[in-house]
Amino acid sequence: MLIRLGETTDILGIIKLQKANLYANLSDLERKRGFVTIPFSETQLMELLEQRGVFVAQERDEIVGYILAGSWDFFDKWPIFPYMVSRLKSLVFLDQPISQGQSFEYGPICIADSYRGTGLFQKLFEEMRIEFSSRYPVGVTFINRINELSFKAHTHKLGLKIIDEFVFDGKNFYGLAFDTSKSVIN
């Protein structure tokens, strides 16, 4: 398995994996295994590639996992992100206020069903954390409260800390943060 920074040739594989795990495409039973909520287009993925914010896990010629991360400016296309930024100034992490300039948005992360529980989640996250640690001291993400599997994985396997709880568009979310200088792999 190869875990690496994404390339243009990975986009179709990312979109295929995204489609297979998109909340809107899953049954209630399938959603219990985890899901991603925001679809990314080829153009948006290209823009993130330019920011060095796309990471993939590749097995043979197939993308079996991906993680996306980028600046708040990139993510302001979706209404939930400006709302999250407006809340940052009232939040504290590592005894410091969180600002838009010293933090970035991480997510989504998506792992193919057959690779869940193999440690790929942590390895993919670690690849992203290392890349972004030279640019930002704090990473921030959100998780829909109904996505219990993702919440447990992020808090237990990665050690992310809850910094916020909020309602957006009638849905309940956790806001989580992590220190980019700390490895998640022991």
C-alpha atoms as a PDB file:
ATOM      1  CA  MET A   1       0.000   0.000   0.000  1.00  0.00           C
ATOM      2  CA  LEU A   2       1.244   3.438  -0.931  1.00  0.00           C
ATOM      3  CA  ILE A   3       0.189   6.489   1.099  1.00  0.00           C
ATOM      4  CA  ARG A   4       1.174   9.741  -0.519  1.00  0.00           C
ATOM      5  CA  LEU A   5       0.318  13.261  -1.606  1.00  0.00           C
ATOM      6  CA  GLY A   6      -2.388  13.145  -4.255  1.00  0.00           C
ATOM      7  CA  GLU A   7      -1.839  13.716  -7.965  1.00  0.00           C
ATOM      8  CA  THR A   8      -4.083  14.744 -10.829  1.00  0.00           C
ATOM      9  CA  THR A   9      -4.352  11.131 -11.943  1.00  0.00           C
ATOM     10  CA  ASP A  10      -5.981  10.237  -8.598  1.00  0.00           C
ATOM     11  CA  ILE A  11      -9.046  12.446  -9.041  1.00  0.00           C
ATOM     12  CA  LEU A  12     -11.312   9.897 -10.708  1.00  0.00           C
ATOM     13  CA  GLY A  13     -10.451   7.286  -8.061  1.00  0.00           C
ATOM     14  CA  ILE A  14     -11.206   9.776  -5.281  1.00  0.00           C
ATOM     15  CA  ILE A  15     -14.553  10.651  -6.838  1.00  0.00           C
ATOM     16  CA  LYS A  16     -15.415   6.960  -7.221  1.00  0.00           C
ATOM     17  CA  LEU A  17     -14.662   6.287  -3.534  1.00  0.00           C
ATOM     18  CA  GLN A  18     -16.485   9.472  -2.523  1.00  0.00           C
ATOM     19  CA  LYS A  19     -19.600   8.435  -4.457  1.00  0.00           C
ATOM     20  CA  ALA A  20     -19.608   5.008  -2.797  1.00  0.00           C
ATOM     21  CA  ASN A  21     -19.524   6.624   0.671  1.00  0.00           C
ATOM     22  CA  LEU A  22     -21.578   9.794   0.217  1.00  0.00           C
ATOM     23  CA  TYR A  23     -24.383  10.138   2.779  1.00  0.00           C
ATOM     24  CA  ALA A  24     -26.946  10.902   0.074  1.00  0.00           C
ATOM     25  CA  ASN A  25     -26.109   7.637  -1.731  1.00  0.00           C
ATOM     26  CA  LEU A  26     -26.332   5.317   1.285  1.00  0.00           C
ATOM     27  CA  SER A  27     -29.157   3.471   3.014  1.00  0.00           C
ATOM     28  CA  ASP A  28     -29.742   4.019   6.735  1.00  0.00           C
ATOM     29  CA  LEU A  29     -27.965   0.740   7.461  1.00  0.00           C
ATOM     30  CA  GLU A  30     -24.954   1.669   5.294  1.00  0.00           C
ATOM     31  CA  ARG A  31     -24.689   5.075   7.021  1.00  0.00           C
ATOM     32  CA  LYS A  32     -23.966   3.319  10.320  1.00  0.00           C
ATOM     33  CA  ARG A  33     -20.576   2.293   8.875  1.00  0.00           C
ATOM     34  CA  GLY A  34     -19.639   5.954   8.378  1.00  0.00           C
ATOM     35  CA  PHE A  35     -20.057   8.394   5.529  1.00  0.00           C
ATOM     36  CA  VAL A  36     -18.899  11.641   3.964  1.00  0.00           C
ATOM     37  CA  THR A  37     -21.351  14.513   3.665  1.00  0.00           C
ATOM     38  CA  ILE A  38     -19.847  17.011   1.226  1.00  0.00           C
ATOM     39  CA  PRO A  39     -19.140  15.970  -2.372  1.00  0.00           C
ATOM     40  CA  PHE A  40     -16.081  17.501  -4.032  1.00  0.00           C
ATOM     41  CA  SER A  41     -15.960  18.129  -7.776  1.00  0.00           C
ATOM     42  CA  GLU A  42     -12.976  17.520 -10.047  1.00  0.00           C
ATOM     43  CA  THR A  43     -12.344  21.286 -10.133  1.00  0.00           C
ATOM     44  CA  GLN A  44     -12.394  21.560  -6.349  1.00  0.00           C
ATOM     45  CA  LEU A  45     -10.055  18.598  -6.002  1.00  0.00           C
ATOM     46  CA  MET A  46      -7.672  20.206  -8.512  1.00  0.00           C
ATOM     47  CA  GLU A  47      -7.648  23.379  -6.419  1.00  0.00           C
ATOM     48  CA  LEU A  48      -6.844  21.373  -3.280  1.00  0.00           C
ATOM     49  CA  LEU A  49      -4.092  19.510  -5.145  1.00  0.00           C
ATOM     50  CA  GLU A  50      -2.478  22.896  -5.808  1.00  0.00           C
ATOM     51  CA  GLN A  51      -2.558  23.588  -2.039  1.00  0.00           C
ATOM     52  CA  ARG A  52      -0.950  20.191  -1.333  1.00  0.00           C
ATOM     53  CA  GLY A  53      -4.141  19.226   0.477  1.00  0.00           C
ATOM     54  CA  VAL A  54      -5.075  15.884  -1.098  1.00  0.00           C
ATOM     55  CA  PHE A  55      -3.651  12.633   0.261  1.00  0.00           C
ATOM     56  CA  VAL A  56      -4.396   9.141  -0.969  1.00  0.00           C
ATOM     57  CA  ALA A  57      -3.915   5.517  -0.088  1.00  0.00           C
ATOM     58  CA  GLN A  58      -3.351   3.447  -3.197  1.00  0.00           C
ATOM     59  CA  GLU A  59      -3.456  -0.337  -3.471  1.00  0.00           C
ATOM     60  CA  ARG A  60      -2.317  -1.460  -6.909  1.00  0.00           C
ATOM     61  CA  ASP A  61      -4.176   0.927  -9.254  1.00  0.00           C
ATOM     62  CA  GLU A  62      -7.081   1.651  -6.916  1.00  0.00           C
ATOM     63  CA  ILE A  63      -7.605   4.558  -4.513  1.00  0.00           C
ATOM     64  CA  VAL A  64      -8.721   2.890  -1.262  1.00  0.00           C
ATOM     65  CA  GLY A  65      -8.596   5.971   0.936  1.00  0.00           C
ATOM     66  CA  TYR A  66      -8.286   9.717   0.787  1.00  0.00           C
ATOM     67  CA  ILE A  67      -8.088  12.683   3.080  1.00  0.00           C
ATOM     68  CA  LEU A  68      -8.591  16.339   2.165  1.00  0.00           C
ATOM     69  CA  ALA A  69      -7.376  19.448   3.967  1.00  0.00           C
ATOM     70  CA  GLY A  70      -6.971  23.113   3.125  1.00  0.00           C
ATOM     71  CA  SER A  71      -7.220  26.725   4.084  1.00  0.00           C
ATOM     72  CA  TRP A  72     -10.430  28.222   5.392  1.00  0.00           C
ATOM     73  CA  ASP A  73     -10.485  30.377   2.240  1.00  0.00           C
ATOM     74  CA  PHE A  74     -10.763  27.254   0.111  1.00  0.00           C
ATOM     75  CA  PHE A  75     -13.604  25.833   2.185  1.00  0.00           C
ATOM     76  CA  ASP A  76     -15.686  29.036   2.302  1.00  0.00           C
ATOM     77  CA  LYS A  77     -17.602  27.792  -0.779  1.00  0.00           C
ATOM     78  CA  TRP A  78     -19.815  25.722   1.531  1.00  0.00           C
ATOM     79  CA  PRO A  79     -22.021  27.637   4.007  1.00  0.00           C
ATOM     80  CA  ILE A  80     -21.038  25.563   7.050  1.00  0.00           C
ATOM     81  CA  PHE A  81     -17.407  26.713   6.898  1.00  0.00           C
ATOM     82  CA  PRO A  82     -17.930  30.499   7.165  1.00  0.00           C
ATOM     83  CA  TYR A  83     -20.221  29.690  10.080  1.00  0.00           C
ATOM     84  CA  MET A  84     -17.442  27.646  11.710  1.00  0.00           C
ATOM     85  CA  VAL A  85     -14.922  30.455  11.100  1.00  0.00           C
ATOM     86  CA  SER A  86     -17.286  32.926  12.782  1.00  0.00           C
ATOM     87  CA  ARG A  87     -17.192  30.700  15.886  1.00  0.00           C
ATOM     88  CA  LEU A  88     -13.392  30.276  15.971  1.00  0.00           C
ATOM     89  CA  LYS A  89     -12.672  33.527  17.809  1.00  0.00           C
ATOM     90  CA  SER A  90     -14.614  32.281  20.836  1.00  0.00           C
ATOM     91  CA  LEU A  91     -12.828  28.903  20.933  1.00  0.00           C
ATOM     92  CA  VAL A  92      -9.652  27.896  22.749  1.00  0.00           C
ATOM     93  CA  PHE A  93      -7.322  24.978  22.083  1.00  0.00           C
ATOM     94  CA  LEU A  94      -3.991  24.283  23.831  1.00  0.00           C
ATOM     95  CA  ASP A  95      -4.696  27.314  26.043  1.00  0.00           C
ATOM     96  CA  GLN A  96      -4.672  29.570  22.966  1.00  0.00           C
ATOM     97  CA  PRO A  97      -7.498  31.217  21.029  1.00  0.00           C
ATOM     98  CA  ILE A  98      -8.033  29.639  17.620  1.00  0.00           C
ATOM     99  CA  SER A  99      -7.755  31.955  14.643  1.00  0.00           C
ATOM    100  CA  GLN A 100      -8.446  31.543  10.961  1.00  0.00           C
ATOM    101  CA  GLY A 101      -4.819  32.351  10.137  1.00  0.00           C
ATOM    102  CA  GLN A 102      -3.225  29.766  12.434  1.00  0.00           C
ATOM    103  CA  SER A 103      -5.617  26.900  11.749  1.00  0.00           C
ATOM    104  CA  PHE A 104      -6.867  24.908   8.782  1.00  0.00           C
ATOM    105  CA  GLU A 105      -9.826  22.695   7.952  1.00  0.00           C
ATOM    106  CA  TYR A 106      -9.249  18.981   7.752  1.00  0.00           C
ATOM    107  CA  GLY A 107     -11.695  16.566   6.176  1.00  0.00           C
ATOM    108  CA  PRO A 108     -13.274  14.606   4.906  1.00  0.00           C
ATOM    109  CA  ILE A 109     -11.401  11.360   5.242  1.00  0.00           C
ATOM    110  CA  CYS A 110     -12.771   8.313   3.475  1.00  0.00           C
ATOM    111  CA  ILE A 111     -11.592   4.714   3.693  1.00  0.00           C
ATOM    112  CA  ALA A 112     -12.945   1.891   1.520  1.00  0.00           C
ATOM    113  CA  ASP A 113     -14.989  -0.622   3.518  1.00  0.00           C
ATOM    114  CA  SER A 114     -12.505  -3.447   3.071  1.00  0.00           C
ATOM    115  CA  TYR A 115      -9.659  -1.326   4.538  1.00  0.00           C
ATOM    116  CA  ARG A 116     -11.436  -0.043   7.644  1.00  0.00           C
ATOM    117  CA  GLY A 117      -9.928  -1.243  10.896  1.00  0.00           C
ATOM    118  CA  THR A 118      -6.518  -1.903   9.310  1.00  0.00           C
ATOM    119  CA  GLY A 119      -4.700   1.178  10.649  1.00  0.00           C
ATOM    120  CA  LEU A 120      -5.019   2.983   7.326  1.00  0.00           C
ATOM    121  CA  PHE A 121      -7.098   5.724   8.970  1.00  0.00           C
ATOM    122  CA  GLN A 122      -4.225   6.725  11.277  1.00  0.00           C
ATOM    123  CA  LYS A 123      -1.558   6.413   8.576  1.00  0.00           C
ATOM    124  CA  LEU A 124      -3.467   8.578   6.121  1.00  0.00           C
ATOM    125  CA  PHE A 125      -4.178  11.172   8.817  1.00  0.00           C
ATOM    126  CA  GLU A 126      -0.501  11.172   9.804  1.00  0.00           C
ATOM    127  CA  GLU A 127       0.585  11.871   6.207  1.00  0.00           C
ATOM    128  CA  MET A 128      -1.727  14.922   6.140  1.00  0.00           C
ATOM    129  CA  ARG A 129      -0.676  16.092   9.630  1.00  0.00           C
ATOM    130  CA  ILE A 130       3.015  16.057   8.723  1.00  0.00           C
ATOM    131  CA  GLU A 131       2.424  18.053   5.522  1.00  0.00           C
ATOM    132  CA  PHE A 132       0.334  20.714   7.280  1.00  0.00           C
ATOM    133  CA  SER A 133       2.407  20.954  10.483  1.00  0.00           C
ATOM    134  CA  SER A 134       4.877  23.349   8.861  1.00  0.00           C
ATOM    135  CA  ARG A 135       2.048  25.704   7.868  1.00  0.00           C
ATOM    136  CA  TYR A 136      -0.408  25.583  10.777  1.00  0.00           C
ATOM    137  CA  PRO A 137      -0.174  24.679  14.473  1.00  0.00           C
ATOM    138  CA  VAL A 138      -3.847  23.644  14.726  1.00  0.00           C
ATOM    139  CA  GLY A 139      -6.145  21.528  12.575  1.00  0.00           C
ATOM    140  CA  VAL A 140      -9.927  21.789  12.902  1.00  0.00           C
ATOM    141  CA  THR A 141     -12.734  19.578  11.656  1.00  0.00           C
ATOM    142  CA  PHE A 142     -16.404  18.909  12.242  1.00  0.00           C
ATOM    143  CA  ILE A 143     -18.375  15.702  12.534  1.00  0.00           C
ATOM    144  CA  ASN A 144     -22.110  15.267  12.229  1.00  0.00           C
ATOM    145  CA  ARG A 145     -23.338  13.902  15.569  1.00  0.00           C
ATOM    146  CA  ILE A 146     -25.195  11.082  13.830  1.00  0.00           C
ATOM    147  CA  ASN A 147     -21.879   9.811  12.426  1.00  0.00           C
ATOM    148  CA  GLU A 148     -20.952   7.988  15.641  1.00  0.00           C
ATOM    149  CA  LEU A 149     -18.353   5.799  13.970  1.00  0.00           C
ATOM    150  CA  SER A 150     -16.408   8.814  12.701  1.00  0.00           C
ATOM    151  CA  PHE A 151     -16.659  10.548  16.072  1.00  0.00           C
ATOM    152  CA  LYS A 152     -15.279   7.511  17.906  1.00  0.00           C
ATOM    153  CA  ALA A 153     -12.484   7.052  15.377  1.00  0.00           C
ATOM    154  CA  HIS A 154     -11.418  10.689  15.597  1.00  0.00           C
ATOM    155  CA  THR A 155     -11.545  10.935  19.381  1.00  0.00           C
ATOM    156  CA  HIS A 156     -10.255   7.449  20.298  1.00  0.00           C
ATOM    157  CA  LYS A 157      -7.875   6.541  17.468  1.00  0.00           C
ATOM    158  CA  LEU A 158      -6.550  10.023  16.701  1.00  0.00           C
ATOM    159  CA  GLY A 159      -7.102  11.793  20.019  1.00  0.00           C
ATOM    160  CA  LEU A 160      -8.866  14.833  18.583  1.00  0.00           C
ATOM    161  CA  LYS A 161     -10.451  17.068  21.213  1.00  0.00           C
ATOM    162  CA  ILE A 162     -13.949  18.521  21.195  1.00  0.00           C
ATOM    163  CA  ILE A 163     -13.722  22.306  21.073  1.00  0.00           C
ATOM    164  CA  ASP A 164     -17.260  23.143  20.013  1.00  0.00           C
ATOM    165  CA  GLU A 165     -20.777  21.808  19.580  1.00  0.00           C
ATOM    166  CA  PHE A 166     -23.106  23.602  17.207  1.00  0.00           C
ATOM    167  CA  VAL A 167     -26.250  23.331  15.126  1.00  0.00           C
ATOM    168  CA  PHE A 168     -26.151  24.198  11.449  1.00  0.00           C
ATOM    169  CA  ASP A 169     -28.977  23.745   8.975  1.00  0.00           C
ATOM    170  CA  GLY A 170     -30.940  21.795  11.576  1.00  0.00           C
ATOM    171  CA  LYS A 171     -28.127  19.275  12.149  1.00  0.00           C
ATOM    172  CA  ASN A 172     -25.964  18.833  15.254  1.00  0.00           C
ATOM    173  CA  PHE A 173     -22.178  18.845  14.933  1.00  0.00           C
ATOM    174  CA  TYR A 174     -19.038  18.494  16.995  1.00  0.00           C
ATOM    175  CA  GLY A 175     -16.123  20.797  16.280  1.00  0.00           C
ATOM    176  CA  LEU A 176     -12.794  19.073  16.958  1.00  0.00           C
ATOM    177  CA  ALA A 177      -9.170  20.197  16.935  1.00  0.00           C
ATOM    178  CA  PHE A 178      -5.702  18.673  16.969  1.00  0.00           C
ATOM    179  CA  ASP A 179      -2.141  19.805  17.530  1.00  0.00           C
ATOM    180  CA  THR A 180      -0.240  19.375  14.260  1.00  0.00           C
ATOM    181  CA  SER A 181       3.056  18.943  16.109  1.00  0.00           C
ATOM    182  CA  LYS A 182       1.932  15.682  17.747  1.00  0.00           C
ATOM    183  CA  SER A 183       2.011  12.343  15.943  1.00  0.00           C
ATOM    184  CA  VAL A 184      -1.082  10.143  16.188  1.00  0.00           C
ATOM    185  CA  ILE A 185       0.959   6.993  15.610  1.00  0.00           C
ATOM    186  CA  ASN A 186       2.791   5.547  18.613  1.00  0.00           C
END
